[in-house]
Amino acid sequence: MPYHPSDPPPHTAKDAIPHVPEQLLEELHAANEELGHAGRHRERMMDAPLAEETPRDDAIQKLREAEKHVEDVTEKINQALHQADESPAQSE
């Protein structure tokens, strides 16, 4: 059943987007946590002395990898939603 603005807000992501497998929602949550950790680590490394370029470069690379992971999981969720949208149309 679609969410309507007059409905009370959903309590969980699964309530808000029921067509997405729970595994993908958990993976997105983990990817977002990874992204936050990588961002905080990069901030600490940017405050490091300039002589320590390798830790900075590593921190930036880890942040980019975390961003890519979030993008990949988000794309999987979008595909699941797209498939769910098409499923009722195919059964008619």
PDB file of N, CA and C in Angstrom:
ATOM      1  N   MET A   1       0.846  -1.168   0.000  1.00  0.00           N
ATOM      2  CA  MET A   1       0.000   0.000   0.000  1.00  0.00           C
ATOM      3  C   MET A   1       0.897   1.238   0.000  1.00  0.00           C
ATOM      4  N   PRO A   2       0.656   2.190  -0.919  1.00  0.00           N
ATOM      5  CA  PRO A   2       1.500   3.376  -0.984  1.00  0.00           C
ATOM      6  C   PRO A   2       1.360   4.241   0.265  1.00  0.00           C
ATOM      7  N   TYR A   3       2.435   4.931   0.557  1.00  0.00           N
ATOM      8  CA  TYR A   3       2.453   5.848   1.691  1.00  0.00           C
ATOM      9  C   TYR A   3       1.753   7.131   1.272  1.00  0.00           C
ATOM     10  N   HIS A   4       0.859   7.610   2.087  1.00  0.00           N
ATOM     11  CA  HIS A   4       0.132   8.857   1.820  1.00  0.00           C
ATOM     12  C   HIS A   4       0.538   9.875   2.881  1.00  0.00           C
ATOM     13  N   PRO A   5       0.691  11.161   2.495  1.00  0.00           N
ATOM     14  CA  PRO A   5       1.138  12.178   3.457  1.00  0.00           C
ATOM     15  C   PRO A   5       0.280  12.266   4.718  1.00  0.00           C
ATOM     16  N   SER A   6      -0.986  11.886   4.649  1.00  0.00           N
ATOM     17  CA  SER A   6      -1.828  11.954   5.843  1.00  0.00           C
ATOM     18  C   SER A   6      -1.618  10.748   6.767  1.00  0.00           C
ATOM     19  N   ASP A   7      -0.915   9.719   6.280  1.00  0.00           N
ATOM     20  CA  ASP A   7      -0.613   8.553   7.106  1.00  0.00           C
ATOM     21  C   ASP A   7       0.448   8.913   8.144  1.00  0.00           C
ATOM     22  N   PRO A   8       0.461   8.217   9.266  1.00  0.00           N
ATOM     23  CA  PRO A   8       1.552   8.460  10.220  1.00  0.00           C
ATOM     24  C   PRO A   8       2.870   8.030   9.579  1.00  0.00           C
ATOM     25  N   PRO A   9       3.968   8.639   9.951  1.00  0.00           N
ATOM     26  CA  PRO A   9       5.245   8.273   9.332  1.00  0.00           C
ATOM     27  C   PRO A   9       5.607   6.824   9.641  1.00  0.00           C
ATOM     28  N   PRO A  10       6.282   6.154   8.710  1.00  0.00           N
ATOM     29  CA  PRO A  10       6.680   4.764   8.948  1.00  0.00           C
ATOM     30  C   PRO A  10       7.713   4.699  10.076  1.00  0.00           C
ATOM     31  N   HIS A  11       7.729   3.577  10.777  1.00  0.00           N
ATOM     32  CA  HIS A  11       8.639   3.428  11.906  1.00  0.00           C
ATOM     33  C   HIS A  11      10.006   2.912  11.484  1.00  0.00           C
ATOM     34  N   THR A  12      10.062   2.198  10.389  1.00  0.00           N
ATOM     35  CA  THR A  12      11.331   1.644   9.925  1.00  0.00           C
ATOM     36  C   THR A  12      11.443   1.863   8.427  1.00  0.00           C
ATOM     37  N   ALA A  13      12.660   1.680   7.919  1.00  0.00           N
ATOM     38  CA  ALA A  13      12.863   1.783   6.477  1.00  0.00           C
ATOM     39  C   ALA A  13      12.048   0.717   5.756  1.00  0.00           C
ATOM     40  N   LYS A  14      11.920  -0.453   6.358  1.00  0.00           N
ATOM     41  CA  LYS A  14      11.149  -1.546   5.742  1.00  0.00           C
ATOM     42  C   LYS A  14       9.681  -1.157   5.608  1.00  0.00           C
ATOM     43  N   ASP A  15       9.144  -0.407   6.584  1.00  0.00           N
ATOM     44  CA  ASP A  15       7.766   0.072   6.491  1.00  0.00           C
ATOM     45  C   ASP A  15       7.628   1.092   5.361  1.00  0.00           C
ATOM     46  N   ALA A  16       8.663   1.914   5.191  1.00  0.00           N
ATOM     47  CA  ALA A  16       8.603   2.973   4.183  1.00  0.00           C
ATOM     48  C   ALA A  16       8.761   2.423   2.770  1.00  0.00           C
ATOM     49  N   ILE A  17       9.597   1.435   2.607  1.00  0.00           N
ATOM     50  CA  ILE A  17       9.846   0.856   1.286  1.00  0.00           C
ATOM     51  C   ILE A  17       9.767  -0.676   1.387  1.00  0.00           C
ATOM     52  N   PRO A  18       8.558  -1.212   1.455  1.00  0.00           N
ATOM     53  CA  PRO A  18       8.396  -2.641   1.712  1.00  0.00           C
ATOM     54  C   PRO A  18       8.861  -3.551   0.581  1.00  0.00           C
ATOM     55  N   HIS A  19       9.087  -3.011  -0.617  1.00  0.00           N
ATOM     56  CA  HIS A  19       9.476  -3.861  -1.745  1.00  0.00           C
ATOM     57  C   HIS A  19      10.972  -4.108  -1.804  1.00  0.00           C
ATOM     58  N   VAL A  20      11.719  -3.525  -0.900  1.00  0.00           N
ATOM     59  CA  VAL A  20      13.166  -3.700  -0.891  1.00  0.00           C
ATOM     60  C   VAL A  20      13.521  -4.806   0.095  1.00  0.00           C
ATOM     61  N   PRO A  21      14.307  -5.780  -0.348  1.00  0.00           N
ATOM     62  CA  PRO A  21      14.692  -6.862   0.561  1.00  0.00           C
ATOM     63  C   PRO A  21      15.415  -6.323   1.801  1.00  0.00           C
ATOM     64  N   GLU A  22      15.129  -6.919   2.931  1.00  0.00           N
ATOM     65  CA  GLU A  22      15.728  -6.504   4.214  1.00  0.00           C
ATOM     66  C   GLU A  22      17.250  -6.514   4.141  1.00  0.00           C
ATOM     67  N   GLN A  23      17.807  -7.467   3.421  1.00  0.00           N
ATOM     68  CA  GLN A  23      19.262  -7.571   3.291  1.00  0.00           C
ATOM     69  C   GLN A  23      19.848  -6.299   2.674  1.00  0.00           C
ATOM     70  N   LEU A  24      19.180  -5.736   1.666  1.00  0.00           N
ATOM     71  CA  LEU A  24      19.680  -4.511   1.039  1.00  0.00           C
ATOM     72  C   LEU A  24      19.596  -3.328   2.000  1.00  0.00           C
ATOM     73  N   LEU A  25      18.548  -3.272   2.796  1.00  0.00           N
ATOM     74  CA  LEU A  25      18.429  -2.187   3.766  1.00  0.00           C
ATOM     75  C   LEU A  25      19.534  -2.281   4.817  1.00  0.00           C
ATOM     76  N   GLU A  26      19.823  -3.499   5.253  1.00  0.00           N
ATOM     77  CA  GLU A  26      20.908  -3.695   6.219  1.00  0.00           C
ATOM     78  C   GLU A  26      22.251  -3.341   5.589  1.00  0.00           C
ATOM     79  N   GLU A  27      22.437  -3.707   4.321  1.00  0.00           N
ATOM     80  CA  GLU A  27      23.681  -3.393   3.628  1.00  0.00           C
ATOM     81  C   GLU A  27      23.835  -1.883   3.464  1.00  0.00           C
ATOM     82  N   LEU A  28      22.736  -1.191   3.182  1.00  0.00           N
ATOM     83  CA  LEU A  28      22.795   0.269   3.058  1.00  0.00           C
ATOM     84  C   LEU A  28      23.152   0.900   4.401  1.00  0.00           C
ATOM     85  N   HIS A  29      22.556   0.402   5.467  1.00  0.00           N
ATOM     86  CA  HIS A  29      22.874   0.927   6.798  1.00  0.00           C
ATOM     87  C   HIS A  29      24.365   0.737   7.097  1.00  0.00           C
ATOM     88  N   ALA A  30      24.887  -0.440   6.821  1.00  0.00           N
ATOM     89  CA  ALA A  30      26.306  -0.720   7.063  1.00  0.00           C
ATOM     90  C   ALA A  30      27.192   0.165   6.183  1.00  0.00           C
ATOM     91  N   ALA A  31      26.785   0.356   4.933  1.00  0.00           N
ATOM     92  CA  ALA A  31      27.565   1.193   4.023  1.00  0.00           C
ATOM     93  C   ALA A  31      27.579   2.647   4.494  1.00  0.00           C
ATOM     94  N   ASN A  32      26.448   3.127   4.995  1.00  0.00           N
ATOM     95  CA  ASN A  32      26.402   4.491   5.514  1.00  0.00           C
ATOM     96  C   ASN A  32      27.263   4.642   6.764  1.00  0.00           C
ATOM     97  N   GLU A  33      27.274   3.630   7.615  1.00  0.00           N
ATOM     98  CA  GLU A  33      28.152   3.675   8.790  1.00  0.00           C
ATOM     99  C   GLU A  33      29.617   3.684   8.361  1.00  0.00           C
ATOM    100  N   GLU A  34      29.940   2.874   7.365  1.00  0.00           N
ATOM    101  CA  GLU A  34      31.301   2.822   6.831  1.00  0.00           C
ATOM    102  C   GLU A  34      31.687   4.192   6.259  1.00  0.00           C
ATOM    103  N   LEU A  35      30.771   4.813   5.553  1.00  0.00           N
ATOM    104  CA  LEU A  35      31.027   6.132   4.980  1.00  0.00           C
ATOM    105  C   LEU A  35      31.281   7.159   6.088  1.00  0.00           C
ATOM    106  N   GLY A  36      30.473   7.131   7.135  1.00  0.00           N
ATOM    107  CA  GLY A  36      30.674   8.057   8.247  1.00  0.00           C
ATOM    108  C   GLY A  36      32.018   7.858   8.917  1.00  0.00           C
ATOM    109  N   HIS A  37      32.396   6.595   9.121  1.00  0.00           N
ATOM    110  CA  HIS A  37      33.681   6.292   9.741  1.00  0.00           C
ATOM    111  C   HIS A  37      34.826   6.784   8.846  1.00  0.00           C
ATOM    112  N   ALA A  38      34.717   6.523   7.549  1.00  0.00           N
ATOM    113  CA  ALA A  38      35.770   6.955   6.625  1.00  0.00           C
ATOM    114  C   ALA A  38      35.865   8.479   6.585  1.00  0.00           C
ATOM    115  N   GLY A  39      34.738   9.157   6.647  1.00  0.00           N
ATOM    116  CA  GLY A  39      34.749  10.618   6.645  1.00  0.00           C
ATOM    117  C   GLY A  39      35.408  11.176   7.892  1.00  0.00           C
ATOM    118  N   ARG A  40      35.104  10.597   9.043  1.00  0.00           N
ATOM    119  CA  ARG A  40      35.734  11.057  10.291  1.00  0.00           C
ATOM    120  C   ARG A  40      37.234  10.772  10.271  1.00  0.00           C
ATOM    121  N   HIS A  41      37.607   9.613   9.733  1.00  0.00           N
ATOM    122  CA  HIS A  41      39.024   9.262   9.644  1.00  0.00           C
ATOM    123  C   HIS A  41      39.755  10.239   8.717  1.00  0.00           C
ATOM    124  N   ARG A  42      39.127  10.570   7.601  1.00  0.00           N
ATOM    125  CA  ARG A  42      39.754  11.523   6.675  1.00  0.00           C
ATOM    126  C   ARG A  42      39.954  12.869   7.355  1.00  0.00           C
ATOM    127  N   GLU A  43      38.963  13.307   8.121  1.00  0.00           N
ATOM    128  CA  GLU A  43      39.088  14.585   8.834  1.00  0.00           C
ATOM    129  C   GLU A  43      40.287  14.560   9.786  1.00  0.00           C
ATOM    130  N   ARG A  44      40.456  13.445  10.502  1.00  0.00           N
ATOM    131  CA  ARG A  44      41.612  13.340  11.409  1.00  0.00           C
ATOM    132  C   ARG A  44      42.910  13.372  10.629  1.00  0.00           C
ATOM    133  N   MET A  45      42.934  12.707   9.488  1.00  0.00           N
ATOM    134  CA  MET A  45      44.167  12.655   8.695  1.00  0.00           C
ATOM    135  C   MET A  45      44.482  14.013   8.056  1.00  0.00           C
ATOM    136  N   MET A  46      43.469  14.781   7.744  1.00  0.00           N
ATOM    137  CA  MET A  46      43.715  16.093   7.142  1.00  0.00           C
ATOM    138  C   MET A  46      44.342  17.034   8.169  1.00  0.00           C
ATOM    139  N   ASP A  47      44.144  16.747   9.450  1.00  0.00           N
ATOM    140  CA  ASP A  47      44.763  17.538  10.505  1.00  0.00           C
ATOM    141  C   ASP A  47      46.179  17.068  10.823  1.00  0.00           C
ATOM    142  N   ALA A  48      46.600  15.954  10.231  1.00  0.00           N
ATOM    143  CA  ALA A  48      47.936  15.413  10.478  1.00  0.00           C
ATOM    144  C   ALA A  48      48.988  16.316   9.820  1.00  0.00           C
ATOM    145  N   PRO A  49      50.215  16.239  10.292  1.00  0.00           N
ATOM    146  CA  PRO A  49      51.281  17.048   9.669  1.00  0.00           C
ATOM    147  C   PRO A  49      51.431  16.721   8.177  1.00  0.00           C
ATOM    148  N   LEU A  50      51.833  17.712   7.410  1.00  0.00           N
ATOM    149  CA  LEU A  50      51.946  17.543   5.958  1.00  0.00           C
ATOM    150  C   LEU A  50      52.909  16.437   5.553  1.00  0.00           C
ATOM    151  N   ALA A  51      53.853  16.108   6.396  1.00  0.00           N
ATOM    152  CA  ALA A  51      54.829  15.064   6.062  1.00  0.00           C
ATOM    153  C   ALA A  51      54.162  13.691   5.954  1.00  0.00           C
ATOM    154  N   GLU A  52      52.965  13.565   6.475  1.00  0.00           N
ATOM    155  CA  GLU A  52      52.286  12.269   6.482  1.00  0.00           C
ATOM    156  C   GLU A  52      51.287  12.167   5.331  1.00  0.00           C
ATOM    157  N   GLU A  53      51.763  12.263   4.113  1.00  0.00           N
ATOM    158  CA  GLU A  53      50.893  12.215   2.936  1.00  0.00           C
ATOM    159  C   GLU A  53      50.249  10.853   2.734  1.00  0.00           C
ATOM    160  N   THR A  54      50.979   9.776   3.011  1.00  0.00           N
ATOM    161  CA  THR A  54      50.430   8.439   2.779  1.00  0.00           C
ATOM    162  C   THR A  54      49.177   8.179   3.605  1.00  0.00           C
ATOM    163  N   PRO A  55      49.170   8.479   4.920  1.00  0.00           N
ATOM    164  CA  PRO A  55      47.913   8.280   5.665  1.00  0.00           C
ATOM    165  C   PRO A  55      46.773   9.130   5.106  1.00  0.00           C
ATOM    166  N   ARG A  56      47.063  10.329   4.651  1.00  0.00           N
ATOM    167  CA  ARG A  56      46.028  11.175   4.059  1.00  0.00           C
ATOM    168  C   ARG A  56      45.487  10.535   2.785  1.00  0.00           C
ATOM    169  N   ASP A  57      46.403  10.101   1.929  1.00  0.00           N
ATOM    170  CA  ASP A  57      45.989   9.481   0.678  1.00  0.00           C
ATOM    171  C   ASP A  57      45.166   8.222   0.940  1.00  0.00           C
ATOM    172  N   ASP A  58      45.599   7.433   1.917  1.00  0.00           N
ATOM    173  CA  ASP A  58      44.855   6.221   2.273  1.00  0.00           C
ATOM    174  C   ASP A  58      43.461   6.572   2.787  1.00  0.00           C
ATOM    175  N   ALA A  59      43.386   7.608   3.613  1.00  0.00           N
ATOM    176  CA  ALA A  59      42.091   8.021   4.167  1.00  0.00           C
ATOM    177  C   ALA A  59      41.160   8.506   3.066  1.00  0.00           C
ATOM    178  N   ILE A  60      41.704   9.250   2.126  1.00  0.00           N
ATOM    179  CA  ILE A  60      40.888   9.737   1.007  1.00  0.00           C
ATOM    180  C   ILE A  60      40.421   8.570   0.149  1.00  0.00           C
ATOM    181  N   GLN A  61      41.300   7.595  -0.094  1.00  0.00           N
ATOM    182  CA  GLN A  61      40.936   6.421  -0.886  1.00  0.00           C
ATOM    183  C   GLN A  61      39.838   5.619  -0.189  1.00  0.00           C
ATOM    184  N   LYS A  62      39.958   5.442   1.130  1.00  0.00           N
ATOM    185  CA  LYS A  62      38.934   4.700   1.872  1.00  0.00           C
ATOM    186  C   LYS A  62      37.597   5.428   1.829  1.00  0.00           C
ATOM    187  N   LEU A  63      37.636   6.755   1.892  1.00  0.00           N
ATOM    188  CA  LEU A  63      36.409   7.535   1.804  1.00  0.00           C
ATOM    189  C   LEU A  63      35.766   7.349   0.431  1.00  0.00           C
ATOM    190  N   ARG A  64      36.563   7.383  -0.616  1.00  0.00           N
ATOM    191  CA  ARG A  64      36.025   7.171  -1.973  1.00  0.00           C
ATOM    192  C   ARG A  64      35.420   5.783  -2.120  1.00  0.00           C
ATOM    193  N   GLU A  65      36.084   4.781  -1.547  1.00  0.00           N
ATOM    194  CA  GLU A  65      35.547   3.420  -1.609  1.00  0.00           C
ATOM    195  C   GLU A  65      34.224   3.319  -0.846  1.00  0.00           C
ATOM    196  N   ALA A  66      34.138   3.967   0.291  1.00  0.00           N
ATOM    197  CA  ALA A  66      32.903   3.950   1.070  1.00  0.00           C
ATOM    198  C   ALA A  66      31.783   4.658   0.317  1.00  0.00           C
ATOM    199  N   GLU A  67      32.099   5.780  -0.322  1.00  0.00           N
ATOM    200  CA  GLU A  67      31.093   6.491  -1.122  1.00  0.00           C
ATOM    201  C   GLU A  67      30.596   5.604  -2.257  1.00  0.00           C
ATOM    202  N   LYS A  68      31.508   4.894  -2.905  1.00  0.00           N
ATOM    203  CA  LYS A  68      31.146   4.003  -4.013  1.00  0.00           C
ATOM    204  C   LYS A  68      30.254   2.875  -3.503  1.00  0.00           C
ATOM    205  N   HIS A  69      30.553   2.352  -2.322  1.00  0.00           N
ATOM    206  CA  HIS A  69      29.750   1.268  -1.751  1.00  0.00           C
ATOM    207  C   HIS A  69      28.319   1.749  -1.508  1.00  0.00           C
ATOM    208  N   VAL A  70      28.170   2.949  -0.946  1.00  0.00           N
ATOM    209  CA  VAL A  70      26.829   3.505  -0.722  1.00  0.00           C
ATOM    210  C   VAL A  70      26.106   3.672  -2.053  1.00  0.00           C
ATOM    211  N   GLU A  71      26.810   4.173  -3.068  1.00  0.00           N
ATOM    212  CA  GLU A  71      26.192   4.340  -4.386  1.00  0.00           C
ATOM    213  C   GLU A  71      25.745   2.995  -4.965  1.00  0.00           C
ATOM    214  N   ASP A  72      26.582   1.967  -4.824  1.00  0.00           N
ATOM    215  CA  ASP A  72      26.247   0.644  -5.354  1.00  0.00           C
ATOM    216  C   ASP A  72      25.003   0.063  -4.669  1.00  0.00           C
ATOM    217  N   VAL A  73      24.950   0.181  -3.357  1.00  0.00           N
ATOM    218  CA  VAL A  73      23.797  -0.355  -2.620  1.00  0.00           C
ATOM    219  C   VAL A  73      22.543   0.441  -2.969  1.00  0.00           C
ATOM    220  N   THR A  74      22.689   1.749  -3.085  1.00  0.00           N
ATOM    221  CA  THR A  74      21.550   2.585  -3.449  1.00  0.00           C
ATOM    222  C   THR A  74      21.024   2.190  -4.830  1.00  0.00           C
ATOM    223  N   GLU A  75      21.905   1.886  -5.746  1.00  0.00           N
ATOM    224  CA  GLU A  75      21.493   1.451  -7.081  1.00  0.00           C
ATOM    225  C   GLU A  75      20.735   0.122  -7.006  1.00  0.00           C
ATOM    226  N   LYS A  76      21.203  -0.798  -6.162  1.00  0.00           N
ATOM    227  CA  LYS A  76      20.494  -2.080  -5.988  1.00  0.00           C
ATOM    228  C   LYS A  76      19.082  -1.835  -5.452  1.00  0.00           C
ATOM    229  N   ILE A  77      18.959  -0.923  -4.499  1.00  0.00           N
ATOM    230  CA  ILE A  77      17.648  -0.610  -3.933  1.00  0.00           C
ATOM    231  C   ILE A  77      16.756   0.011  -5.003  1.00  0.00           C
ATOM    232  N   ASN A  78      17.308   0.916  -5.790  1.00  0.00           N
ATOM    233  CA  ASN A  78      16.528   1.519  -6.873  1.00  0.00           C
ATOM    234  C   ASN A  78      16.054   0.471  -7.869  1.00  0.00           C
ATOM    235  N   GLN A  79      16.904  -0.505  -8.174  1.00  0.00           N
ATOM    236  CA  GLN A  79      16.505  -1.583  -9.074  1.00  0.00           C
ATOM    237  C   GLN A  79      15.384  -2.416  -8.470  1.00  0.00           C
ATOM    238  N   ALA A  80      15.481  -2.698  -7.176  1.00  0.00           N
ATOM    239  CA  ALA A  80      14.425  -3.473  -6.505  1.00  0.00           C
ATOM    240  C   ALA A  80      13.105  -2.713  -6.534  1.00  0.00           C
ATOM    241  N   LEU A  81      13.158  -1.413  -6.305  1.00  0.00           N
ATOM    242  CA  LEU A  81      11.940  -0.597  -6.356  1.00  0.00           C
ATOM    243  C   LEU A  81      11.367  -0.553  -7.768  1.00  0.00           C
ATOM    244  N   HIS A  82      12.236  -0.441  -8.750  1.00  0.00           N
ATOM    245  CA  HIS A  82      11.793  -0.421 -10.147  1.00  0.00           C
ATOM    246  C   HIS A  82      11.125  -1.744 -10.515  1.00  0.00           C
ATOM    247  N   GLN A  83      11.716  -2.846 -10.084  1.00  0.00           N
ATOM    248  CA  GLN A  83      11.129  -4.153 -10.358  1.00  0.00           C
ATOM    249  C   GLN A  83       9.784  -4.301  -9.663  1.00  0.00           C
ATOM    250  N   ALA A  84       9.678  -3.779  -8.456  1.00  0.00           N
ATOM    251  CA  ALA A  84       8.406  -3.856  -7.726  1.00  0.00           C
ATOM    252  C   ALA A  84       7.339  -3.023  -8.439  1.00  0.00           C
ATOM    253  N   ASP A  85       7.729  -1.883  -8.996  1.00  0.00           N
ATOM    254  CA  ASP A  85       6.787  -1.049  -9.733  1.00  0.00           C
ATOM    255  C   ASP A  85       6.301  -1.748 -10.997  1.00  0.00           C
ATOM    256  N   GLU A  86       7.187  -2.512 -11.641  1.00  0.00           N
ATOM    257  CA  GLU A  86       6.827  -3.190 -12.880  1.00  0.00           C
ATOM    258  C   GLU A  86       6.014  -4.457 -12.633  1.00  0.00           C
ATOM    259  N   SER A  87       6.207  -5.101 -11.499  1.00  0.00           N
ATOM    260  CA  SER A  87       5.549  -6.382 -11.222  1.00  0.00           C
ATOM    261  C   SER A  87       4.029  -6.315 -11.317  1.00  0.00           C
ATOM    262  N   PRO A  88       3.341  -5.362 -10.690  1.00  0.00           N
ATOM    263  CA  PRO A  88       1.878  -5.318 -10.824  1.00  0.00           C
ATOM    264  C   PRO A  88       1.427  -5.077 -12.265  1.00  0.00           C
ATOM    265  N   ALA A  89       2.189  -4.309 -13.011  1.00  0.00           N
ATOM    266  CA  ALA A  89       1.820  -4.012 -14.393  1.00  0.00           C
ATOM    267  C   ALA A  89       1.921  -5.270 -15.258  1.00  0.00           C
ATOM    268  N   GLN A  90       2.898  -6.129 -14.957  1.00  0.00           N
ATOM    269  CA  GLN A  90       3.068  -7.341 -15.746  1.00  0.00           C
ATOM    270  C   GLN A  90       1.968  -8.351 -15.454  1.00  0.00           C
ATOM    271  N   SER A  91       1.427  -8.344 -14.247  1.00  0.00           N
ATOM    272  CA  SER A  91       0.410  -9.333 -13.902  1.00  0.00           C
ATOM    273  C   SER A  91      -0.969  -8.976 -14.442  1.00  0.00           C
ATOM    274  N   GLU A  92      -1.148  -7.731 -14.897  1.00  0.00           N
ATOM    275  CA  GLU A  92      -2.462  -7.324 -15.405  1.00  0.00           C
ATOM    276  C   GLU A  92      -2.704  -7.775 -16.814  1.00  0.00           C
TER     277      GLU A  92
END
